[in-house]
Amino acid sequence: MTQPTTPVDEVTALARRYAVEINTGTAAAPEWARLFGVAEFKPVMELRTESDEDYEDDGAEREAVTGHNSRMEIKLKHRVAADGTWNPVQEFLEEKFRAAASGVVNGQFGARYFDRAGRGQAVQGTVYVKEWSPDGGGGDALDNISVVLQFQGKTSLVANPVADAGLTGFAFTQGAEDVPSEDTD
C-alpha cells in the first residue's frame, strides 16, 4: 500500500492572508477601514453545548449543540503617527471598548474578515470589543495590544471585498514551488 503524499501543486496557506476591516460609519452608510498593525489573527468559531447524557449511555458523554458563537482574537502592534496621533482605526476600537465597558449600546459596530488575495467569502457581522489589553513588557518591548472582537448574533458570508481586484497585495512567481511572495510594486 502506498502512503498518501501532499500534492506537489499545493502549498500551505499563510496565516497573514487575512485582513480585518472595521465599519467606522453606520449600518446605513458603512465606511469600511482596514485595521493595520495586525501581528496575529485568529478567527474562532465555537459550538455551545449542554450535557445530553442519560442512563442508557452507560456513563458515556453525550452533548447536544444548543448554539454557537464567533469572535476574532487579534494581536495588534499599537501604531502611532509621526505627529503623535494614534492610528484612527485602532483608536476607534479603544473608544468602542470604553463605550461597551460603560454599558453604552453604541459600543457595537460592524466588522468583517477575509482573505487578502480575494479567495472565498468574507465573514461579516456586528461586534463589540470584548477585550482591549495592552500586553505591557520591559523598556525594550513593543506596545502590543490583545484585542477580542466578539460577534453579536449571527454572522453572514458576504462577497470578499477584494475578490474583483484579483490577488491584491501578492504576486505569484512561477517556479518549482509556486509560492506567493509580497508584491514590491
C-alpha atoms as a PDB file:
ATOM      1  CA  MET A   1       0.000   0.000   0.000  1.00  0.00           C
ATOM      2  CA  THR A   2       1.378   3.404  -0.931  1.00  0.00           C
ATOM      3  CA  GLN A   3       1.445   6.244   1.561  1.00  0.00           C
ATOM      4  CA  PRO A   4      -0.550   9.366   0.675  1.00  0.00           C
ATOM      5  CA  THR A   5       1.604  12.357  -0.142  1.00  0.00           C
ATOM      6  CA  THR A   6       0.978  16.076  -0.347  1.00  0.00           C
ATOM      7  CA  PRO A   7       0.088  17.063  -3.922  1.00  0.00           C
ATOM      8  CA  VAL A   8       3.046  18.865  -5.496  1.00  0.00           C
ATOM      9  CA  ASP A   9       0.780  21.594  -6.875  1.00  0.00           C
ATOM     10  CA  GLU A  10      -0.378  22.701  -3.383  1.00  0.00           C
ATOM     11  CA  VAL A  11       1.310  24.859  -0.748  1.00  0.00           C
ATOM     12  CA  THR A  12       0.237  25.691   2.781  1.00  0.00           C
ATOM     13  CA  ALA A  13      -1.619  28.991   3.089  1.00  0.00           C
ATOM     14  CA  LEU A  14      -0.065  31.623   5.333  1.00  0.00           C
ATOM     15  CA  ALA A  15      -1.844  32.955   8.430  1.00  0.00           C
ATOM     16  CA  ARG A  16      -1.166  36.517   7.264  1.00  0.00           C
ATOM     17  CA  ARG A  17      -3.590  36.006   4.379  1.00  0.00           C
ATOM     18  CA  TYR A  18      -6.397  37.536   6.469  1.00  0.00           C
ATOM     19  CA  ALA A  19      -7.427  41.167   6.560  1.00  0.00           C
ATOM     20  CA  VAL A  20      -9.793  42.781   9.061  1.00  0.00           C
ATOM     21  CA  GLU A  21     -11.991  45.758   8.262  1.00  0.00           C
ATOM     22  CA  ILE A  22     -13.980  47.853  10.713  1.00  0.00           C
ATOM     23  CA  ASN A  23     -17.120  49.830   9.854  1.00  0.00           C
ATOM     24  CA  THR A  24     -16.355  53.254  11.303  1.00  0.00           C
ATOM     25  CA  GLY A  25     -19.564  54.613   9.752  1.00  0.00           C
ATOM     26  CA  THR A  26     -23.087  53.367  10.346  1.00  0.00           C
ATOM     27  CA  ALA A  27     -25.028  50.309   9.198  1.00  0.00           C
ATOM     28  CA  ALA A  28     -26.947  52.545   6.767  1.00  0.00           C
ATOM     29  CA  ALA A  29     -23.805  54.303   5.479  1.00  0.00           C
ATOM     30  CA  PRO A  30     -20.858  51.949   6.068  1.00  0.00           C
ATOM     31  CA  GLU A  31     -17.295  53.244   5.914  1.00  0.00           C
ATOM     32  CA  TRP A  32     -15.030  50.196   5.909  1.00  0.00           C
ATOM     33  CA  ALA A  33     -11.496  50.901   7.150  1.00  0.00           C
ATOM     34  CA  ARG A  34      -8.635  48.412   7.165  1.00  0.00           C
ATOM     35  CA  LEU A  35      -7.216  47.504  10.569  1.00  0.00           C
ATOM     36  CA  PHE A  36      -3.450  47.877  10.258  1.00  0.00           C
ATOM     37  CA  GLY A  37      -0.850  46.609  12.701  1.00  0.00           C
ATOM     38  CA  VAL A  38      -2.235  43.063  12.921  1.00  0.00           C
ATOM     39  CA  ALA A  39       0.567  40.784  14.134  1.00  0.00           C
ATOM     40  CA  GLU A  40      -1.628  37.761  14.925  1.00  0.00           C
ATOM     41  CA  PHE A  41      -5.168  36.908  13.888  1.00  0.00           C
ATOM     42  CA  LYS A  42      -7.324  34.004  14.986  1.00  0.00           C
ATOM     43  CA  PRO A  43     -10.951  33.624  13.878  1.00  0.00           C
ATOM     44  CA  VAL A  44     -12.718  31.478  16.482  1.00  0.00           C
ATOM     45  CA  MET A  45     -15.996  29.642  15.874  1.00  0.00           C
ATOM     46  CA  GLU A  46     -17.300  27.560  18.762  1.00  0.00           C
ATOM     47  CA  LEU A  47     -20.360  25.454  19.416  1.00  0.00           C
ATOM     48  CA  ARG A  48     -22.277  25.898  22.662  1.00  0.00           C
ATOM     49  CA  THR A  49     -23.249  22.527  24.113  1.00  0.00           C
ATOM     50  CA  GLU A  50     -25.174  21.084  27.043  1.00  0.00           C
ATOM     51  CA  SER A  51     -24.859  17.633  28.519  1.00  0.00           C
ATOM     52  CA  ASP A  52     -27.429  15.297  26.947  1.00  0.00           C
ATOM     53  CA  GLU A  53     -26.322  12.130  28.701  1.00  0.00           C
ATOM     54  CA  ASP A  54     -28.870   9.716  30.149  1.00  0.00           C
ATOM     55  CA  TYR A  55     -28.739   6.353  31.921  1.00  0.00           C
ATOM     56  CA  GLU A  56     -28.803   4.408  28.669  1.00  0.00           C
ATOM     57  CA  ASP A  57     -25.452   5.947  27.693  1.00  0.00           C
ATOM     58  CA  ASP A  58     -23.774   3.901  30.481  1.00  0.00           C
ATOM     59  CA  GLY A  59     -21.639   6.862  31.544  1.00  0.00           C
ATOM     60  CA  ALA A  60     -20.503   7.773  28.036  1.00  0.00           C
ATOM     61  CA  GLU A  61     -20.688  11.505  27.448  1.00  0.00           C
ATOM     62  CA  ARG A  62     -23.271  12.871  25.023  1.00  0.00           C
ATOM     63  CA  GLU A  63     -23.726  16.540  24.178  1.00  0.00           C
ATOM     64  CA  ALA A  64     -26.445  18.492  22.424  1.00  0.00           C
ATOM     65  CA  VAL A  65     -25.499  21.557  20.394  1.00  0.00           C
ATOM     66  CA  THR A  66     -27.585  24.480  21.654  1.00  0.00           C
ATOM     67  CA  GLY A  67     -25.959  27.358  19.768  1.00  0.00           C
ATOM     68  CA  HIS A  68     -22.686  28.849  18.624  1.00  0.00           C
ATOM     69  CA  ASN A  69     -20.514  31.938  18.900  1.00  0.00           C
ATOM     70  CA  SER A  70     -17.781  33.587  16.875  1.00  0.00           C
ATOM     71  CA  ARG A  71     -15.034  36.043  17.671  1.00  0.00           C
ATOM     72  CA  MET A  72     -11.793  37.454  16.315  1.00  0.00           C
ATOM     73  CA  GLU A  73      -8.728  37.275  18.560  1.00  0.00           C
ATOM     74  CA  ILE A  74      -6.176  39.828  17.392  1.00  0.00           C
ATOM     75  CA  LYS A  75      -2.716  40.891  18.500  1.00  0.00           C
ATOM     76  CA  LEU A  76      -2.073  44.476  17.363  1.00  0.00           C
ATOM     77  CA  LYS A  77       1.111  46.485  17.085  1.00  0.00           C
ATOM     78  CA  HIS A  78      -0.142  49.787  18.589  1.00  0.00           C
ATOM     79  CA  ARG A  79       0.519  52.324  15.823  1.00  0.00           C
ATOM     80  CA  VAL A  80       1.310  55.993  16.283  1.00  0.00           C
ATOM     81  CA  ALA A  81       1.924  58.566  13.534  1.00  0.00           C
ATOM     82  CA  ALA A  82       4.929  60.891  13.353  1.00  0.00           C
ATOM     83  CA  ASP A  83       2.747  63.713  14.729  1.00  0.00           C
ATOM     84  CA  GLY A  84       1.941  61.629  17.829  1.00  0.00           C
ATOM     85  CA  THR A  85      -1.643  60.689  16.937  1.00  0.00           C
ATOM     86  CA  TRP A  86      -2.808  57.101  17.307  1.00  0.00           C
ATOM     87  CA  ASN A  87      -3.872  55.062  14.306  1.00  0.00           C
ATOM     88  CA  PRO A  88      -7.520  56.130  13.803  1.00  0.00           C
ATOM     89  CA  VAL A  89      -8.960  52.604  13.405  1.00  0.00           C
ATOM     90  CA  GLN A  90      -7.114  51.347  16.482  1.00  0.00           C
ATOM     91  CA  GLU A  91      -8.309  54.441  18.384  1.00  0.00           C
ATOM     92  CA  PHE A  92     -11.877  53.724  17.214  1.00  0.00           C
ATOM     93  CA  LEU A  93     -11.599  50.216  18.694  1.00  0.00           C
ATOM     94  CA  GLU A  94     -10.325  51.517  22.032  1.00  0.00           C
ATOM     95  CA  GLU A  95     -13.155  54.080  22.171  1.00  0.00           C
ATOM     96  CA  LYS A  96     -15.709  51.342  21.418  1.00  0.00           C
ATOM     97  CA  PHE A  97     -14.204  49.178  24.171  1.00  0.00           C
ATOM     98  CA  ARG A  98     -14.650  52.007  26.664  1.00  0.00           C
ATOM     99  CA  ALA A  99     -18.236  52.544  25.441  1.00  0.00           C
ATOM    100  CA  ALA A 100     -19.069  48.845  25.811  1.00  0.00           C
ATOM    101  CA  ALA A 101     -17.441  48.768  29.268  1.00  0.00           C
ATOM    102  CA  SER A 102     -19.745  51.569  30.386  1.00  0.00           C
ATOM    103  CA  GLY A 103     -22.827  49.762  29.036  1.00  0.00           C
ATOM    104  CA  VAL A 104     -23.396  52.032  26.049  1.00  0.00           C
ATOM    105  CA  VAL A 105     -25.198  50.272  23.181  1.00  0.00           C
ATOM    106  CA  ASN A 106     -23.217  52.218  20.563  1.00  0.00           C
ATOM    107  CA  GLY A 107     -20.232  50.136  21.610  1.00  0.00           C
ATOM    108  CA  GLN A 108     -21.349  47.766  18.824  1.00  0.00           C
ATOM    109  CA  PHE A 109     -20.265  48.184  15.195  1.00  0.00           C
ATOM    110  CA  GLY A 110     -19.755  46.213  12.000  1.00  0.00           C
ATOM    111  CA  ALA A 111     -16.637  44.177  11.291  1.00  0.00           C
ATOM    112  CA  ARG A 112     -15.507  41.622   8.745  1.00  0.00           C
ATOM    113  CA  TYR A 113     -12.530  39.482   7.903  1.00  0.00           C
ATOM    114  CA  PHE A 114     -11.499  37.976   4.591  1.00  0.00           C
ATOM    115  CA  ASP A 115      -8.667  36.546   2.526  1.00  0.00           C
ATOM    116  CA  ARG A 116      -6.490  39.431   1.240  1.00  0.00           C
ATOM    117  CA  ALA A 117      -5.935  37.567  -2.038  1.00  0.00           C
ATOM    118  CA  GLY A 118      -9.673  37.531  -2.782  1.00  0.00           C
ATOM    119  CA  ARG A 119     -10.238  33.814  -2.189  1.00  0.00           C
ATOM    120  CA  GLY A 120     -13.519  32.715  -0.625  1.00  0.00           C
ATOM    121  CA  GLN A 121     -16.086  34.900   1.054  1.00  0.00           C
ATOM    122  CA  ALA A 122     -15.843  37.424   3.878  1.00  0.00           C
ATOM    123  CA  VAL A 123     -17.311  36.782   7.324  1.00  0.00           C
ATOM    124  CA  GLN A 124     -19.227  39.851   8.473  1.00  0.00           C
ATOM    125  CA  GLY A 125     -21.360  40.807  11.445  1.00  0.00           C
ATOM    126  CA  THR A 126     -21.928  43.094  14.402  1.00  0.00           C
ATOM    127  CA  VAL A 127     -19.237  43.022  17.083  1.00  0.00           C
ATOM    128  CA  TYR A 128     -18.212  44.686  20.293  1.00  0.00           C
ATOM    129  CA  VAL A 129     -14.688  44.978  21.716  1.00  0.00           C
ATOM    130  CA  LYS A 130     -14.711  42.359  24.465  1.00  0.00           C
ATOM    131  CA  GLU A 131     -11.038  42.847  25.305  1.00  0.00           C
ATOM    132  CA  TRP A 132      -8.564  45.697  24.839  1.00  0.00           C
ATOM    133  CA  SER A 133      -5.488  44.763  26.877  1.00  0.00           C
ATOM    134  CA  PRO A 134      -2.046  46.300  26.453  1.00  0.00           C
ATOM    135  CA  ASP A 135       0.457  43.455  26.814  1.00  0.00           C
ATOM    136  CA  GLY A 136       2.972  45.526  28.768  1.00  0.00           C
ATOM    137  CA  GLY A 137       6.599  44.490  28.991  1.00  0.00           C
ATOM    138  CA  GLY A 138      10.044  45.825  29.699  1.00  0.00           C
ATOM    139  CA  GLY A 139      11.622  49.029  28.449  1.00  0.00           C
ATOM    140  CA  ASP A 140      12.631  47.374  25.192  1.00  0.00           C
ATOM    141  CA  ALA A 141       9.184  45.861  24.448  1.00  0.00           C
ATOM    142  CA  LEU A 142       6.907  46.962  21.636  1.00  0.00           C
ATOM    143  CA  ASP A 143       3.464  48.305  22.531  1.00  0.00           C
ATOM    144  CA  ASN A 144       1.256  45.326  21.659  1.00  0.00           C
ATOM    145  CA  ILE A 145      -2.479  45.176  22.342  1.00  0.00           C
ATOM    146  CA  SER A 146      -4.533  41.982  22.731  1.00  0.00           C
ATOM    147  CA  VAL A 147      -7.983  42.575  21.242  1.00  0.00           C
ATOM    148  CA  VAL A 148     -11.069  40.365  21.109  1.00  0.00           C
ATOM    149  CA  LEU A 149     -13.893  41.358  18.761  1.00  0.00           C
ATOM    150  CA  GLN A 150     -16.943  39.325  19.830  1.00  0.00           C
ATOM    151  CA  PHE A 151     -19.652  38.808  17.222  1.00  0.00           C
ATOM    152  CA  GLN A 152     -23.193  39.531  18.428  1.00  0.00           C
ATOM    153  CA  GLY A 153     -25.763  37.215  16.901  1.00  0.00           C
ATOM    154  CA  LYS A 154     -25.338  35.572  13.531  1.00  0.00           C
ATOM    155  CA  THR A 155     -22.520  36.271  11.129  1.00  0.00           C
ATOM    156  CA  SER A 156     -23.023  36.367   7.369  1.00  0.00           C
ATOM    157  CA  LEU A 157     -20.921  35.174   4.485  1.00  0.00           C
ATOM    158  CA  VAL A 158     -20.673  38.079   2.047  1.00  0.00           C
ATOM    159  CA  ALA A 159     -18.704  38.757  -1.101  1.00  0.00           C
ATOM    160  CA  ASN A 160     -14.997  39.176  -0.447  1.00  0.00           C
ATOM    161  CA  PRO A 161     -14.405  42.936  -0.937  1.00  0.00           C
ATOM    162  CA  VAL A 162     -11.137  42.330  -2.809  1.00  0.00           C
ATOM    163  CA  ALA A 163     -12.340  39.405  -4.959  1.00  0.00           C
ATOM    164  CA  ASP A 164     -12.828  41.551  -8.066  1.00  0.00           C
ATOM    165  CA  ALA A 165      -9.391  43.106  -7.648  1.00  0.00           C
ATOM    166  CA  GLY A 166      -7.681  39.769  -8.130  1.00  0.00           C
ATOM    167  CA  LEU A 167      -4.709  38.813  -5.989  1.00  0.00           C
ATOM    168  CA  THR A 168      -4.362  42.166  -4.186  1.00  0.00           C
ATOM    169  CA  GLY A 169      -1.086  42.526  -2.314  1.00  0.00           C
ATOM    170  CA  PHE A 170       0.504  39.350  -3.642  1.00  0.00           C
ATOM    171  CA  ALA A 171       2.401  38.338  -6.731  1.00  0.00           C
ATOM    172  CA  PHE A 172       2.827  34.695  -7.657  1.00  0.00           C
ATOM    173  CA  THR A 173       6.127  33.533  -9.032  1.00  0.00           C
ATOM    174  CA  GLN A 174       6.404  30.669 -11.465  1.00  0.00           C
ATOM    175  CA  GLY A 175       8.855  28.003 -10.489  1.00  0.00           C
ATOM    176  CA  ALA A 176       9.247  24.679  -8.817  1.00  0.00           C
ATOM    177  CA  GLU A 177       7.347  25.694  -5.720  1.00  0.00           C
ATOM    178  CA  ASP A 178       4.843  28.333  -6.953  1.00  0.00           C
ATOM    179  CA  VAL A 179       4.783  30.094  -3.594  1.00  0.00           C
ATOM    180  CA  PRO A 180       3.312  33.577  -3.026  1.00  0.00           C
ATOM    181  CA  SER A 181       5.687  36.442  -2.348  1.00  0.00           C
ATOM    182  CA  GLU A 182       5.000  40.006  -1.215  1.00  0.00           C
ATOM    183  CA  ASP A 183       4.396  42.367  -4.117  1.00  0.00           C
ATOM    184  CA  THR A 184       7.109  45.047  -4.223  1.00  0.00           C
ATOM    185  CA  ASP A 185       5.444  47.342  -6.758  1.00  0.00           C
END
